[in-house]
Amino acid sequence: MLSRKEKFILKILNDASGKSNSCLITPKRLIKTPSGNKNLSETELDKILQGLEDQNYLDVVKTARLNEEIYCITLYQKGKNYLMENERAMRALKYKILLAR
């Protein structure tokens, strides 16, 4: 199960990549304030990305461009389909709750 911050990062990456499987993104863009949470630090962001990489959601390559750190992130199929899977699971949960009434 993914944490709220991991879900937030995956949503940003899916939005940034659009229909392609990869995107270039700065850490500043990923460190936006998640709703209801404090700002992410860069070390926490690195841990989250490493965790998602270990779980086969994405692949991260760090590089520098014009003295600014850039992440080249490639979303695997699991990371790309995460939002659809999450929505499907929520619908199933709502259906079970409705049947339980």
C-alpha atoms as a PDB file:
ATOM      1  CA  MET A   1       0.000   0.000   0.000  1.00  0.00           C
ATOM      2  CA  LEU A   2       1.327   3.413  -0.935  1.00  0.00           C
ATOM      3  CA  SER A   3       1.503   6.347   1.446  1.00  0.00           C
ATOM      4  CA  ARG A   4      -0.317   9.614   0.813  1.00  0.00           C
ATOM      5  CA  LYS A   5       2.902  11.311  -0.265  1.00  0.00           C
ATOM      6  CA  GLU A   6       3.772   8.495  -2.684  1.00  0.00           C
ATOM      7  CA  LYS A   7       0.305   8.747  -4.222  1.00  0.00           C
ATOM      8  CA  PHE A   8       0.736  12.508  -4.523  1.00  0.00           C
ATOM      9  CA  ILE A   9       4.099  12.116  -6.283  1.00  0.00           C
ATOM     10  CA  LEU A  10       2.680   9.495  -8.673  1.00  0.00           C
ATOM     11  CA  LYS A  11      -0.225  11.796  -9.538  1.00  0.00           C
ATOM     12  CA  ILE A  12       2.137  14.683 -10.317  1.00  0.00           C
ATOM     13  CA  LEU A  13       4.335  12.409 -12.444  1.00  0.00           C
ATOM     14  CA  ASN A  14       1.350  11.023 -14.357  1.00  0.00           C
ATOM     15  CA  ASP A  15       0.130  14.563 -15.018  1.00  0.00           C
ATOM     16  CA  ALA A  16       3.607  15.697 -16.111  1.00  0.00           C
ATOM     17  CA  SER A  17       4.232  12.772 -18.443  1.00  0.00           C
ATOM     18  CA  GLY A  18       0.858  12.989 -20.182  1.00  0.00           C
ATOM     19  CA  LYS A  19       0.537  10.266 -22.805  1.00  0.00           C
ATOM     20  CA  SER A  20       4.246   9.484 -22.902  1.00  0.00           C
ATOM     21  CA  ASN A  21       6.021   7.251 -20.401  1.00  0.00           C
ATOM     22  CA  SER A  22       8.751   9.687 -19.374  1.00  0.00           C
ATOM     23  CA  CYS A  23       9.215  13.281 -18.321  1.00  0.00           C
ATOM     24  CA  LEU A  24      11.834  15.761 -17.179  1.00  0.00           C
ATOM     25  CA  ILE A  25      10.918  17.401 -13.904  1.00  0.00           C
ATOM     26  CA  THR A  26      12.659  19.500 -11.272  1.00  0.00           C
ATOM     27  CA  PRO A  27      12.647  18.604  -7.577  1.00  0.00           C
ATOM     28  CA  LYS A  28      11.038  21.988  -6.851  1.00  0.00           C
ATOM     29  CA  ARG A  29       7.963  20.970  -8.812  1.00  0.00           C
ATOM     30  CA  LEU A  30       7.723  17.675  -6.956  1.00  0.00           C
ATOM     31  CA  ILE A  31       8.120  19.328  -3.544  1.00  0.00           C
ATOM     32  CA  LYS A  32       4.804  21.173  -3.782  1.00  0.00           C
ATOM     33  CA  THR A  33       2.745  21.116  -0.617  1.00  0.00           C
ATOM     34  CA  PRO A  34       0.528  18.028  -0.571  1.00  0.00           C
ATOM     35  CA  SER A  35      -2.912  18.925   0.686  1.00  0.00           C
ATOM     36  CA  GLY A  36      -2.921  18.787   4.471  1.00  0.00           C
ATOM     37  CA  ASN A  37       0.792  17.910   4.763  1.00  0.00           C
ATOM     38  CA  LYS A  38       3.946  19.906   5.336  1.00  0.00           C
ATOM     39  CA  ASN A  39       6.395  20.561   2.524  1.00  0.00           C
ATOM     40  CA  LEU A  40       8.560  17.658   1.452  1.00  0.00           C
ATOM     41  CA  SER A  41      12.296  17.989   1.900  1.00  0.00           C
ATOM     42  CA  GLU A  42      14.659  16.914  -0.865  1.00  0.00           C
ATOM     43  CA  THR A  43      15.933  13.988   1.193  1.00  0.00           C
ATOM     44  CA  GLU A  44      12.360  12.827   1.817  1.00  0.00           C
ATOM     45  CA  LEU A  45      11.625  13.211  -1.898  1.00  0.00           C
ATOM     46  CA  ASP A  46      14.675  11.077  -2.717  1.00  0.00           C
ATOM     47  CA  LYS A  47      13.464   8.382  -0.298  1.00  0.00           C
ATOM     48  CA  ILE A  48       9.977   8.406  -1.834  1.00  0.00           C
ATOM     49  CA  LEU A  49      11.335   8.155  -5.372  1.00  0.00           C
ATOM     50  CA  GLN A  50      13.709   5.366  -4.322  1.00  0.00           C
ATOM     51  CA  GLY A  51      10.809   3.491  -2.708  1.00  0.00           C
ATOM     52  CA  LEU A  52       8.677   3.841  -5.835  1.00  0.00           C
ATOM     53  CA  GLU A  53      11.630   2.693  -7.921  1.00  0.00           C
ATOM     54  CA  ASP A  54      12.102  -0.364  -5.671  1.00  0.00           C
ATOM     55  CA  GLN A  55       8.410  -1.233  -6.077  1.00  0.00           C
ATOM     56  CA  ASN A  56       8.731  -1.040  -9.902  1.00  0.00           C
ATOM     57  CA  TYR A  57       6.523   2.005 -10.398  1.00  0.00           C
ATOM     58  CA  LEU A  58       9.192   4.110 -12.113  1.00  0.00           C
ATOM     59  CA  ASP A  59      12.841   4.614 -12.999  1.00  0.00           C
ATOM     60  CA  VAL A  60      14.724   7.757 -11.946  1.00  0.00           C
ATOM     61  CA  VAL A  61      17.861   9.248 -13.471  1.00  0.00           C
ATOM     62  CA  LYS A  62      19.285  12.408 -11.879  1.00  0.00           C
ATOM     63  CA  THR A  63      21.127  14.925 -14.017  1.00  0.00           C
ATOM     64  CA  ALA A  64      22.098  18.593 -13.942  1.00  0.00           C
ATOM     65  CA  ARG A  65      21.094  21.188 -16.501  1.00  0.00           C
ATOM     66  CA  LEU A  66      22.149  24.815 -16.200  1.00  0.00           C
ATOM     67  CA  ASN A  67      23.302  24.257 -12.603  1.00  0.00           C
ATOM     68  CA  GLU A  68      19.878  22.898 -11.645  1.00  0.00           C
ATOM     69  CA  GLU A  69      19.115  19.297 -10.718  1.00  0.00           C
ATOM     70  CA  ILE A  70      16.651  17.585 -13.056  1.00  0.00           C
ATOM     71  CA  TYR A  71      15.009  14.160 -12.751  1.00  0.00           C
ATOM     72  CA  CYS A  72      14.419  12.110 -15.869  1.00  0.00           C
ATOM     73  CA  ILE A  73      11.606   9.825 -14.769  1.00  0.00           C
ATOM     74  CA  THR A  74      10.293   6.907 -16.770  1.00  0.00           C
ATOM     75  CA  LEU A  75       6.993   5.517 -15.553  1.00  0.00           C
ATOM     76  CA  TYR A  76       6.607   1.778 -15.866  1.00  0.00           C
ATOM     77  CA  GLN A  77       3.237   0.285 -16.757  1.00  0.00           C
ATOM     78  CA  LYS A  78       2.473  -0.195 -13.048  1.00  0.00           C
ATOM     79  CA  GLY A  79       3.083   3.505 -12.389  1.00  0.00           C
ATOM     80  CA  LYS A  80       1.131   4.612 -15.450  1.00  0.00           C
ATOM     81  CA  ASN A  81      -1.883   2.471 -14.561  1.00  0.00           C
ATOM     82  CA  TYR A  82      -1.791   3.374 -10.866  1.00  0.00           C
ATOM     83  CA  LEU A  83      -4.514   6.010 -11.113  1.00  0.00           C
ATOM     84  CA  MET A  84      -6.886   3.665 -12.942  1.00  0.00           C
ATOM     85  CA  GLU A  85      -6.212   0.846 -10.466  1.00  0.00           C
ATOM     86  CA  ASN A  86      -6.782   3.189  -7.535  1.00  0.00           C
ATOM     87  CA  GLU A  87     -10.077   4.394  -9.003  1.00  0.00           C
ATOM     88  CA  ARG A  88     -11.193   0.813  -9.638  1.00  0.00           C
ATOM     89  CA  ALA A  89     -10.373  -0.169  -6.048  1.00  0.00           C
ATOM     90  CA  MET A  90     -12.310   2.826  -4.682  1.00  0.00           C
ATOM     91  CA  ARG A  91     -15.361   1.907  -6.783  1.00  0.00           C
ATOM     92  CA  ALA A  92     -15.215  -1.670  -5.504  1.00  0.00           C
ATOM     93  CA  LEU A  93     -14.970  -0.435  -1.914  1.00  0.00           C
ATOM     94  CA  LYS A  94     -17.934   1.905  -2.375  1.00  0.00           C
ATOM     95  CA  TYR A  95     -19.936  -0.951  -3.886  1.00  0.00           C
ATOM     96  CA  LYS A  96     -19.155  -3.218  -0.911  1.00  0.00           C
ATOM     97  CA  ILE A  97     -20.188  -0.505   1.523  1.00  0.00           C
ATOM     98  CA  LEU A  98     -23.409   0.035  -0.400  1.00  0.00           C
ATOM     99  CA  LEU A  99     -24.198  -3.699  -0.280  1.00  0.00           C
ATOM    100  CA  ALA A 100     -23.499  -3.852   3.445  1.00  0.00           C
ATOM    101  CA  ARG A 101     -26.252  -1.351   4.223  1.00  0.00           C
END
